[in-house]
PDB file of all heavy atoms in Angstrom:
ATOM      1  N   LEU A   1     107.179 103.324 116.282  1.00  0.00           N
ATOM      2  CA  LEU A   1     105.918 102.779 116.823  1.00  0.00           C
ATOM      3  C   LEU A   1     106.130 101.465 117.596  1.00  0.00           C
ATOM      4  O   LEU A   1     105.444 101.223 118.593  1.00  0.00           O
ATOM      5  CB  LEU A   1     104.943 102.502 115.663  1.00  0.00           C
ATOM      6  CG  LEU A   1     104.427 103.714 114.873  1.00  0.00           C
ATOM      7  CD1 LEU A   1     103.684 103.265 113.636  1.00  0.00           C
ATOM      8  CD2 LEU A   1     103.491 104.544 115.775  1.00  0.00           C
ATOM      9  N   PHE A   2     107.035 100.627 117.110  1.00  0.00           N
ATOM     10  CA  PHE A   2     107.153  99.277 117.703  1.00  0.00           C
ATOM     11  C   PHE A   2     108.546  98.978 118.253  1.00  0.00           C
ATOM     12  O   PHE A   2     108.808  97.842 118.669  1.00  0.00           O
ATOM     13  CB  PHE A   2     106.778  98.232 116.635  1.00  0.00           C
ATOM     14  CG  PHE A   2     105.543  98.569 115.868  1.00  0.00           C
ATOM     15  CD1 PHE A   2     105.598  98.825 114.483  1.00  0.00           C
ATOM     16  CD2 PHE A   2     104.313  98.652 116.511  1.00  0.00           C
ATOM     17  CE1 PHE A   2     104.463  99.149 113.758  1.00  0.00           C
ATOM     18  CE2 PHE A   2     103.153  98.976 115.774  1.00  0.00           C
ATOM     19  CZ  PHE A   2     103.242  99.229 114.399  1.00  0.00           C
ATOM     20  N   ASP A   3     109.432 100.001 118.207  1.00  0.00           N
ATOM     21  CA  ASP A   3     110.816  99.813 118.659  1.00  0.00           C
ATOM     22  C   ASP A   3     111.448  98.573 117.973  1.00  0.00           C
ATOM     23  O   ASP A   3     112.110  97.766 118.615  1.00  0.00           O
ATOM     24  CB  ASP A   3     110.901  99.680 120.200  1.00  0.00           C
ATOM     25  CG  ASP A   3     112.332  99.878 120.699  1.00  0.00           C
ATOM     26  OD1 ASP A   3     113.107 100.569 119.990  1.00  0.00           O
ATOM     27  OD2 ASP A   3     112.682  99.298 121.740  1.00  0.00           O
ATOM     28  N   HIS A   4     111.183  98.472 116.682  1.00  0.00           N
ATOM     29  CA  HIS A   4     111.672  97.296 115.920  1.00  0.00           C
ATOM     30  C   HIS A   4     112.557  97.781 114.777  1.00  0.00           C
ATOM     31  O   HIS A   4     112.218  98.688 114.041  1.00  0.00           O
ATOM     32  CB  HIS A   4     110.458  96.520 115.347  1.00  0.00           C
ATOM     33  CG  HIS A   4     110.857  95.336 114.519  1.00  0.00           C
ATOM     34  ND1 HIS A   4     111.279  94.164 115.068  1.00  0.00           N
ATOM     35  CD2 HIS A   4     110.926  95.174 113.162  1.00  0.00           C
ATOM     36  CE1 HIS A   4     111.566  93.284 114.098  1.00  0.00           C
ATOM     37  NE2 HIS A   4     111.360  93.895 112.927  1.00  0.00           N
ATOM     38  N   GLU A   5     113.742  97.125 114.660  1.00  0.00           N
ATOM     39  CA  GLU A   5     114.663  97.456 113.582  1.00  0.00           C
ATOM     40  C   GLU A   5     114.262  96.731 112.301  1.00  0.00           C
ATOM     41  O   GLU A   5     114.407  95.512 112.205  1.00  0.00           O
ATOM     42  CB  GLU A   5     116.104  97.069 113.944  1.00  0.00           C
ATOM     43  CG  GLU A   5     116.689  97.802 115.152  1.00  0.00           C
ATOM     44  CD  GLU A   5     117.011  99.265 114.851  1.00  0.00           C
ATOM     45  OE1 GLU A   5     117.086  99.634 113.670  1.00  0.00           O
ATOM     46  OE2 GLU A   5     117.149 100.028 115.827  1.00  0.00           O
ATOM     47  N   LEU A   6     113.722  97.454 111.344  1.00  0.00           N
ATOM     48  CA  LEU A   6     113.380  96.893 110.033  1.00  0.00           C
ATOM     49  C   LEU A   6     114.212  97.667 109.004  1.00  0.00           C
ATOM     50  O   LEU A   6     113.972  98.858 108.789  1.00  0.00           O
ATOM     51  CB  LEU A   6     111.882  97.064 109.749  1.00  0.00           C
ATOM     52  CG  LEU A   6     111.356  96.510 108.430  1.00  0.00           C
ATOM     53  CD1 LEU A   6     111.436  95.005 108.373  1.00  0.00           C
ATOM     54  CD2 LEU A   6     109.897  96.958 108.195  1.00  0.00           C
ATOM     55  N   SER A   7     115.202  97.005 108.407  1.00  0.00           N
ATOM     56  CA  SER A   7     116.097  97.719 107.501  1.00  0.00           C
ATOM     57  C   SER A   7     115.340  98.159 106.248  1.00  0.00           C
ATOM     58  O   SER A   7     114.347  97.518 105.845  1.00  0.00           O
ATOM     59  CB  SER A   7     117.309  96.856 107.113  1.00  0.00           C
ATOM     60  OG  SER A   7     116.912  95.878 106.174  1.00  0.00           O
ATOM     61  N   VAL A   8     115.821  99.209 105.632  1.00  0.00           N
ATOM     62  CA  VAL A   8     115.193  99.742 104.398  1.00  0.00           C
ATOM     63  C   VAL A   8     115.113  98.659 103.317  1.00  0.00           C
ATOM     64  O   VAL A   8     114.133  98.539 102.603  1.00  0.00           O
ATOM     65  CB  VAL A   8     115.992 100.976 103.889  1.00  0.00           C
ATOM     66  CG1 VAL A   8     115.462 101.429 102.521  1.00  0.00           C
ATOM     67  CG2 VAL A   8     115.916 102.108 104.878  1.00  0.00           C
ATOM     68  N   ASN A   9     116.175  97.846 103.233  1.00  0.00           N
ATOM     69  CA  ASN A   9     116.222  96.782 102.197  1.00  0.00           C
ATOM     70  C   ASN A   9     115.191  95.682 102.434  1.00  0.00           C
ATOM     71  O   ASN A   9     114.794  94.952 101.525  1.00  0.00           O
ATOM     72  CB  ASN A   9     117.608  96.150 102.111  1.00  0.00           C
ATOM     73  CG  ASN A   9     118.622  97.130 101.525  1.00  0.00           C
ATOM     74  OD1 ASN A   9     118.238  98.025 100.785  1.00  0.00           O
ATOM     75  ND2 ASN A   9     119.887  96.939 101.824  1.00  0.00           N
ATOM     76  N   GLU A  10     114.751  95.537 103.702  1.00  0.00           N
ATOM     77  CA  GLU A  10     113.756  94.495 104.038  1.00  0.00           C
ATOM     78  C   GLU A  10     112.345  94.933 103.659  1.00  0.00           C
ATOM     79  O   GLU A  10     111.442  94.112 103.559  1.00  0.00           O
ATOM     80  CB  GLU A  10     113.801  94.180 105.538  1.00  0.00           C
ATOM     81  CG  GLU A  10     114.989  93.342 105.962  1.00  0.00           C
ATOM     82  CD  GLU A  10     114.981  93.119 107.465  1.00  0.00           C
ATOM     83  OE1 GLU A  10     115.441  94.005 108.215  1.00  0.00           O
ATOM     84  OE2 GLU A  10     114.443  92.077 107.908  1.00  0.00           O
ATOM     85  N   VAL A  11     112.140  96.237 103.526  1.00  0.00           N
ATOM     86  CA  VAL A  11     110.802  96.782 103.241  1.00  0.00           C
ATOM     87  C   VAL A  11     110.473  96.518 101.776  1.00  0.00           C
ATOM     88  O   VAL A  11     111.188  96.966 100.862  1.00  0.00           O
ATOM     89  CB  VAL A  11     110.717  98.275 103.518  1.00  0.00           C
ATOM     90  CG1 VAL A  11     109.337  98.817 103.163  1.00  0.00           C
ATOM     91  CG2 VAL A  11     111.026  98.561 105.006  1.00  0.00           C
ATOM     92  N   ILE A  12     109.398  95.769 101.502  1.00  0.00           N
ATOM     93  CA  ILE A  12     108.997  95.450 100.151  1.00  0.00           C
ATOM     94  C   ILE A  12     107.712  96.208  99.807  1.00  0.00           C
ATOM     95  O   ILE A  12     106.722  96.128 100.529  1.00  0.00           O
ATOM     96  CB  ILE A  12     108.798  93.921  99.979  1.00  0.00           C
ATOM     97  CG1 ILE A  12     110.124  93.198 100.188  1.00  0.00           C
ATOM     98  CG2 ILE A  12     108.234  93.593  98.587  1.00  0.00           C
ATOM     99  CD1 ILE A  12     110.010  91.706 100.303  1.00  0.00           C
ATOM    100  N   LEU A  13     107.790  96.941  98.720  1.00  0.00           N
ATOM    101  CA  LEU A  13     106.627  97.688  98.243  1.00  0.00           C
ATOM    102  C   LEU A  13     106.100  97.051  96.979  1.00  0.00           C
ATOM    103  O   LEU A  13     106.853  96.582  96.136  1.00  0.00           O
ATOM    104  CB  LEU A  13     106.976  99.146  97.935  1.00  0.00           C
ATOM    105  CG  LEU A  13     107.408  99.997  99.138  1.00  0.00           C
ATOM    106  CD1 LEU A  13     107.896 101.392  98.662  1.00  0.00           C
ATOM    107  CD2 LEU A  13     106.263 100.178 100.158  1.00  0.00           C
ATOM    108  N   GLN A  14     104.782  97.018  96.819  1.00  0.00           N
ATOM    109  CA  GLN A  14     104.139  96.494  95.609  1.00  0.00           C
ATOM    110  C   GLN A  14     103.350  97.617  94.952  1.00  0.00           C
ATOM    111  O   GLN A  14     102.927  98.556  95.636  1.00  0.00           O
ATOM    112  CB  GLN A  14     103.176  95.360  95.942  1.00  0.00           C
ATOM    113  CG  GLN A  14     103.797  94.166  96.639  1.00  0.00           C
ATOM    114  CD  GLN A  14     102.753  93.126  97.044  1.00  0.00           C
ATOM    115  OE1 GLN A  14     101.556  93.369  96.918  1.00  0.00           O
ATOM    116  NE2 GLN A  14     103.194  92.012  97.567  1.00  0.00           N
ATOM    117  N   PRO A  15     103.108  97.510  93.628  1.00  0.00           N
ATOM    118  CA  PRO A  15     102.214  98.490  93.019  1.00  0.00           C
ATOM    119  C   PRO A  15     100.791  98.295  93.561  1.00  0.00           C
ATOM    120  O   PRO A  15     100.330  97.150  93.732  1.00  0.00           O
ATOM    121  CB  PRO A  15     102.277  98.157  91.523  1.00  0.00           C
ATOM    122  CG  PRO A  15     103.428  97.232  91.360  1.00  0.00           C
ATOM    123  CD  PRO A  15     103.626  96.553  92.663  1.00  0.00           C
ATOM    124  N   THR A  16     100.125  99.397  93.858  1.00  0.00           N
ATOM    125  CA  THR A  16      98.723  99.292  94.340  1.00  0.00           C
ATOM    126  C   THR A  16      97.816  98.819  93.208  1.00  0.00           C
ATOM    127  O   THR A  16      97.947  99.224  92.050  1.00  0.00           O
ATOM    128  CB  THR A  16      98.239 100.666  94.817  1.00  0.00           C
ATOM    129  OG1 THR A  16      99.135 101.107  95.849  1.00  0.00           O
ATOM    130  CG2 THR A  16      96.832 100.592  95.409  1.00  0.00           C
ATOM    131  N   ARG A  17      96.884  97.941  93.556  1.00  0.00           N
ATOM    132  CA  ARG A  17      95.937  97.440  92.541  1.00  0.00           C
ATOM    133  C   ARG A  17      95.080  98.594  92.044  1.00  0.00           C
ATOM    134  O   ARG A  17      94.740  99.518  92.794  1.00  0.00           O
ATOM    135  CB  ARG A  17      95.072  96.349  93.144  1.00  0.00           C
ATOM    136  CG  ARG A  17      95.852  95.028  93.311  1.00  0.00           C
ATOM    137  CD  ARG A  17      95.121  94.008  94.156  1.00  0.00           C
ATOM    138  NE  ARG A  17      93.847  93.649  93.561  1.00  0.00           N
ATOM    139  CZ  ARG A  17      93.054  92.682  94.041  1.00  0.00           C
ATOM    140  NH1 ARG A  17      93.419  92.015  95.114  1.00  0.00           N
ATOM    141  NH2 ARG A  17      91.910  92.392  93.474  1.00  0.00           N
ATOM    142  N   LYS A  18      94.767  98.542  90.733  1.00  0.00           N
ATOM    143  CA  LYS A  18      94.099  99.643  90.052  1.00  0.00           C
ATOM    144  C   LYS A  18      92.788 100.083  90.709  1.00  0.00           C
ATOM    145  O   LYS A  18      92.407 101.239  90.661  1.00  0.00           O
ATOM    146  CB  LYS A  18      93.797  99.275  88.601  1.00  0.00           C
ATOM    147  CG  LYS A  18      95.060  99.111  87.746  1.00  0.00           C
ATOM    148  CD  LYS A  18      95.547 100.435  87.228  1.00  0.00           C
ATOM    149  CE  LYS A  18      96.710 100.234  86.245  1.00  0.00           C
ATOM    150  NZ  LYS A  18      97.378 101.499  85.913  1.00  0.00           N
ATOM    151  N   GLU A  19      92.067  99.121  91.342  1.00  0.00           N
ATOM    152  CA  GLU A  19      90.765  99.467  91.914  1.00  0.00           C
ATOM    153  C   GLU A  19      90.840 100.244  93.217  1.00  0.00           C
ATOM    154  O   GLU A  19      89.816 100.700  93.753  1.00  0.00           O
ATOM    155  CB  GLU A  19      89.877  98.216  92.104  1.00  0.00           C
ATOM    156  CG  GLU A  19      90.457  97.140  93.043  1.00  0.00           C
ATOM    157  CD  GLU A  19      91.223  96.067  92.302  1.00  0.00           C
ATOM    158  OE1 GLU A  19      91.882  96.365  91.297  1.00  0.00           O
ATOM    159  OE2 GLU A  19      91.168  94.905  92.777  1.00  0.00           O
ATOM    160  N   PHE A  20      92.057 100.411  93.791  1.00  0.00           N
ATOM    161  CA  PHE A  20      92.207 101.127  95.033  1.00  0.00           C
ATOM    162  C   PHE A  20      92.985 102.436  94.815  1.00  0.00           C
ATOM    163  O   PHE A  20      93.785 102.546  93.888  1.00  0.00           O
ATOM    164  CB  PHE A  20      92.921 100.266  96.088  1.00  0.00           C
ATOM    165  CG  PHE A  20      92.222  98.959  96.373  1.00  0.00           C
ATOM    166  CD1 PHE A  20      92.833  97.764  96.145  1.00  0.00           C
ATOM    167  CD2 PHE A  20      90.925  98.952  96.890  1.00  0.00           C
ATOM    168  CE1 PHE A  20      92.196  96.529  96.370  1.00  0.00           C
ATOM    169  CE2 PHE A  20      90.281  97.745  97.131  1.00  0.00           C
ATOM    170  CZ  PHE A  20      90.905  96.546  96.866  1.00  0.00           C
ATOM    171  N   GLU A  21      92.762 103.402  95.697  1.00  0.00           N
ATOM    172  CA  GLU A  21      93.517 104.641  95.662  1.00  0.00           C
ATOM    173  C   GLU A  21      94.943 104.362  96.134  1.00  0.00           C
ATOM    174  O   GLU A  21      95.149 103.563  97.054  1.00  0.00           O
ATOM    175  CB  GLU A  21      92.876 105.700  96.587  1.00  0.00           C
ATOM    176  CG  GLU A  21      91.528 106.225  96.097  1.00  0.00           C
ATOM    177  CD  GLU A  21      91.666 107.023  94.805  1.00  0.00           C
ATOM    178  OE1 GLU A  21      92.600 107.812  94.699  1.00  0.00           O
ATOM    179  OE2 GLU A  21      90.822 106.829  93.898  1.00  0.00           O
ATOM    180  N   GLY A  22      95.923 105.029  95.550  1.00  0.00           N
ATOM    181  CA  GLY A  22      97.311 104.848  95.957  1.00  0.00           C
ATOM    182  C   GLY A  22      98.196 104.363  94.832  1.00  0.00           C
ATOM    183  O   GLY A  22      97.744 104.056  93.743  1.00  0.00           O
ATOM    184  N   THR A  23      99.500 104.391  95.131  1.00  0.00           N
ATOM    185  CA  THR A  23     100.502 103.958  94.137  1.00  0.00           C
ATOM    186  C   THR A  23     101.356 102.797  94.686  1.00  0.00           C
ATOM    187  O   THR A  23     101.644 101.854  93.974  1.00  0.00           O
ATOM    188  CB  THR A  23     101.444 105.128  93.781  1.00  0.00           C
ATOM    189  OG1 THR A  23     100.657 106.277  93.457  1.00  0.00           O
ATOM    190  CG2 THR A  23     102.329 104.774  92.582  1.00  0.00           C
ATOM    191  N   TYR A  24     101.767 102.935  95.945  1.00  0.00           N
ATOM    192  CA  TYR A  24     102.563 101.890  96.585  1.00  0.00           C
ATOM    193  C   TYR A  24     101.745 101.183  97.632  1.00  0.00           C
ATOM    194  O   TYR A  24     101.000 101.821  98.367  1.00  0.00           O
ATOM    195  CB  TYR A  24     103.800 102.495  97.249  1.00  0.00           C
ATOM    196  CG  TYR A  24     104.810 103.094  96.290  1.00  0.00           C
ATOM    197  CD1 TYR A  24     104.924 104.490  96.149  1.00  0.00           C
ATOM    198  CD2 TYR A  24     105.666 102.298  95.536  1.00  0.00           C
ATOM    199  CE1 TYR A  24     105.834 105.059  95.283  1.00  0.00           C
ATOM    200  CE2 TYR A  24     106.582 102.870  94.664  1.00  0.00           C
ATOM    201  CZ  TYR A  24     106.670 104.261  94.542  1.00  0.00           C
ATOM    202  OH  TYR A  24     107.571 104.790  93.671  1.00  0.00           O
ATOM    203  N   THR A  25     101.960  99.865  97.751  1.00  0.00           N
ATOM    204  CA  THR A  25     101.253  99.088  98.771  1.00  0.00           C
ATOM    205  C   THR A  25     102.284  98.354  99.625  1.00  0.00           C
ATOM    206  O   THR A  25     103.208  97.715  99.107  1.00  0.00           O
ATOM    207  CB  THR A  25     100.286  98.067  98.133  1.00  0.00           C
ATOM    208  OG1 THR A  25      99.283  98.804  97.439  1.00  0.00           O
ATOM    209  CG2 THR A  25      99.645  97.167  99.172  1.00  0.00           C
ATOM    210  N   PHE A  26     102.095  98.467 100.956  1.00  0.00           N
ATOM    211  CA  PHE A  26     102.920  97.738 101.892  1.00  0.00           C
ATOM    212  C   PHE A  26     102.040  96.684 102.591  1.00  0.00           C
ATOM    213  O   PHE A  26     100.978  96.985 103.099  1.00  0.00           O
ATOM    214  CB  PHE A  26     103.490  98.694 102.961  1.00  0.00           C
ATOM    215  CG  PHE A  26     104.313  98.003 104.035  1.00  0.00           C
ATOM    216  CD1 PHE A  26     105.525  97.388 103.741  1.00  0.00           C
ATOM    217  CD2 PHE A  26     103.822  97.973 105.337  1.00  0.00           C
ATOM    218  CE1 PHE A  26     106.244  96.746 104.757  1.00  0.00           C
ATOM    219  CE2 PHE A  26     104.550  97.337 106.341  1.00  0.00           C
ATOM    220  CZ  PHE A  26     105.771  96.718 106.049  1.00  0.00           C
ATOM    221  N   VAL A  27     102.498  95.427 102.530  1.00  0.00           N
ATOM    222  CA  VAL A  27     101.688  94.318 103.101  1.00  0.00           C
ATOM    223  C   VAL A  27     102.074  94.158 104.553  1.00  0.00           C
ATOM    224  O   VAL A  27     103.232  93.895 104.905  1.00  0.00           O
ATOM    225  CB  VAL A  27     101.955  93.007 102.303  1.00  0.00           C
ATOM    226  CG1 VAL A  27     101.080  91.882 102.878  1.00  0.00           C
ATOM    227  CG2 VAL A  27     101.696  93.184 100.817  1.00  0.00           C
ATOM    228  N   VAL A  28     101.071  94.294 105.417  1.00  0.00           N
ATOM    229  CA  VAL A  28     101.293  94.312 106.887  1.00  0.00           C
ATOM    230  C   VAL A  28     101.359  92.900 107.473  1.00  0.00           C
ATOM    231  O   VAL A  28     102.055  92.687 108.491  1.00  0.00           O
ATOM    232  CB  VAL A  28     100.156  95.130 107.585  1.00  0.00           C
ATOM    233  CG1 VAL A  28     100.336  95.152 109.067  1.00  0.00           C
ATOM    234  CG2 VAL A  28     100.089  96.527 107.007  1.00  0.00           C
ATOM    235  N   PHE A  29     100.662  91.930 106.848  1.00  0.00           N
ATOM    236  CA  PHE A  29     100.551  90.566 107.424  1.00  0.00           C
ATOM    237  C   PHE A  29     101.844  89.959 108.004  1.00  0.00           C
ATOM    238  O   PHE A  29     101.816  89.444 109.125  1.00  0.00           O
ATOM    239  CB  PHE A  29      99.979  89.604 106.382  1.00  0.00           C
ATOM    240  CG  PHE A  29      98.536  89.877 106.030  1.00  0.00           C
ATOM    241  CD1 PHE A  29      98.229  90.329 104.754  1.00  0.00           C
ATOM    242  CD2 PHE A  29      97.521  89.709 106.955  1.00  0.00           C
ATOM    243  CE1 PHE A  29      96.898  90.606 104.409  1.00  0.00           C
ATOM    244  CE2 PHE A  29      96.197  89.974 106.607  1.00  0.00           C
ATOM    245  CZ  PHE A  29      95.884  90.430 105.353  1.00  0.00           C
ATOM    246  N   PRO A  30     102.995  90.048 107.294  1.00  0.00           N
ATOM    247  CA  PRO A  30     104.194  89.378 107.831  1.00  0.00           C
ATOM    248  C   PRO A  30     104.702  89.969 109.132  1.00  0.00           C
ATOM    249  O   PRO A  30     105.553  89.369 109.802  1.00  0.00           O
ATOM    250  CB  PRO A  30     105.235  89.556 106.717  1.00  0.00           C
ATOM    251  CG  PRO A  30     104.456  89.885 105.484  1.00  0.00           C
ATOM    252  CD  PRO A  30     103.252  90.624 105.975  1.00  0.00           C
ATOM    253  N   TYR A  31     104.179  91.148 109.545  1.00  0.00           N
ATOM    254  CA  TYR A  31     104.761  91.860 110.699  1.00  0.00           C
ATOM    255  C   TYR A  31     103.804  91.939 111.882  1.00  0.00           C
ATOM    256  O   TYR A  31     104.018  92.710 112.819  1.00  0.00           O
ATOM    257  CB  TYR A  31     105.169  93.275 110.275  1.00  0.00           C
ATOM    258  CG  TYR A  31     106.128  93.283 109.114  1.00  0.00           C
ATOM    259  CD1 TYR A  31     105.702  93.516 107.819  1.00  0.00           C
ATOM    260  CD2 TYR A  31     107.489  92.963 109.312  1.00  0.00           C
ATOM    261  CE1 TYR A  31     106.584  93.480 106.755  1.00  0.00           C
ATOM    262  CE2 TYR A  31     108.358  92.912 108.246  1.00  0.00           C
ATOM    263  CZ  TYR A  31     107.912  93.172 106.971  1.00  0.00           C
ATOM    264  OH  TYR A  31     108.787  93.138 105.907  1.00  0.00           O
ATOM    265  N   LEU A  32     102.746  91.119 111.871  1.00  0.00           N
ATOM    266  CA  LEU A  32     101.727  91.230 112.952  1.00  0.00           C
ATOM    267  C   LEU A  32     102.304  90.826 114.309  1.00  0.00           C
ATOM    268  O   LEU A  32     101.865  91.330 115.348  1.00  0.00           O
ATOM    269  CB  LEU A  32     100.497  90.376 112.591  1.00  0.00           C
ATOM    270  CG  LEU A  32      99.722  90.850 111.363  1.00  0.00           C
ATOM    271  CD1 LEU A  32      98.528  89.951 111.096  1.00  0.00           C
ATOM    272  CD2 LEU A  32      99.289  92.320 111.524  1.00  0.00           C
ATOM    273  N   LYS A  33     103.338  89.961 114.315  1.00  0.00           N
ATOM    274  CA  LYS A  33     103.981  89.596 115.590  1.00  0.00           C
ATOM    275  C   LYS A  33     104.700  90.815 116.178  1.00  0.00           C
ATOM    276  O   LYS A  33     104.826  90.948 117.395  1.00  0.00           O
ATOM    277  CB  LYS A  33     104.967  88.457 115.393  1.00  0.00           C
ATOM    278  CG  LYS A  33     104.281  87.091 115.278  1.00  0.00           C
ATOM    279  CD  LYS A  33     105.315  85.975 115.202  1.00  0.00           C
ATOM    280  CE  LYS A  33     104.627  84.625 115.047  1.00  0.00           C
ATOM    281  NZ  LYS A  33     105.592  83.560 114.824  1.00  0.00           N
ATOM    282  N   VAL A  34     105.167  91.679 115.312  1.00  0.00           N
ATOM    283  CA  VAL A  34     105.877  92.871 115.732  1.00  0.00           C
ATOM    284  C   VAL A  34     104.867  93.937 116.185  1.00  0.00           C
ATOM    285  O   VAL A  34     105.010  94.565 117.253  1.00  0.00           O
ATOM    286  CB  VAL A  34     106.772  93.431 114.595  1.00  0.00           C
ATOM    287  CG1 VAL A  34     107.380  94.783 114.964  1.00  0.00           C
ATOM    288  CG2 VAL A  34     107.864  92.428 114.204  1.00  0.00           C
ATOM    289  N   THR A  35     103.815  94.130 115.384  1.00  0.00           N
ATOM    290  CA  THR A  35     102.847  95.221 115.667  1.00  0.00           C
ATOM    291  C   THR A  35     101.898  94.848 116.799  1.00  0.00           C
ATOM    292  O   THR A  35     101.294  95.730 117.433  1.00  0.00           O
ATOM    293  CB  THR A  35     102.015  95.535 114.414  1.00  0.00           C
ATOM    294  OG1 THR A  35     101.217  94.395 114.059  1.00  0.00           O
ATOM    295  CG2 THR A  35     102.890  95.927 113.217  1.00  0.00           C
ATOM    296  N   LYS A  36     101.738  93.503 117.009  1.00  0.00           N
ATOM    297  CA  LYS A  36     100.869  92.988 118.077  1.00  0.00           C
ATOM    298  C   LYS A  36      99.416  93.517 117.942  1.00  0.00           C
ATOM    299  O   LYS A  36      98.726  93.792 118.930  1.00  0.00           O
ATOM    300  CB  LYS A  36     101.424  93.317 119.461  1.00  0.00           C
ATOM    301  CG  LYS A  36     102.737  92.623 119.741  1.00  0.00           C
ATOM    302  CD  LYS A  36     103.246  92.858 121.148  1.00  0.00           C
ATOM    303  CE  LYS A  36     104.437  91.977 121.484  1.00  0.00           C
ATOM    304  NZ  LYS A  36     105.588  92.069 120.576  1.00  0.00           N
ATOM    305  N   GLY A  37      99.002  93.740 116.700  1.00  0.00           N
ATOM    306  CA  GLY A  37      97.643  94.174 116.438  1.00  0.00           C
ATOM    307  C   GLY A  37      97.063  93.388 115.274  1.00  0.00           C
ATOM    308  O   GLY A  37      97.730  92.549 114.685  1.00  0.00           O
ATOM    309  N   ASN A  38      95.796  93.657 114.939  1.00  0.00           N
ATOM    310  CA  ASN A  38      95.232  92.974 113.767  1.00  0.00           C
ATOM    311  C   ASN A  38      95.672  93.704 112.489  1.00  0.00           C
ATOM    312  O   ASN A  38      96.187  94.846 112.576  1.00  0.00           O
ATOM    313  CB  ASN A  38      93.701  92.865 113.870  1.00  0.00           C
ATOM    314  CG  ASN A  38      93.026  94.217 113.885  1.00  0.00           C
ATOM    315  OD1 ASN A  38      93.385  95.103 113.110  1.00  0.00           O
ATOM    316  ND2 ASN A  38      92.049  94.376 114.744  1.00  0.00           N
TER     317      ASN A  38
END
């Protein structure tokens, strides 16, 4: 999507909070300069 090298080891997953659907959560905020979107 962004032609950006992000190594597997750099990807941090958190457990999803109980009130939301899902199991793994990826936090997008640190990568907004790469995605150039909100």
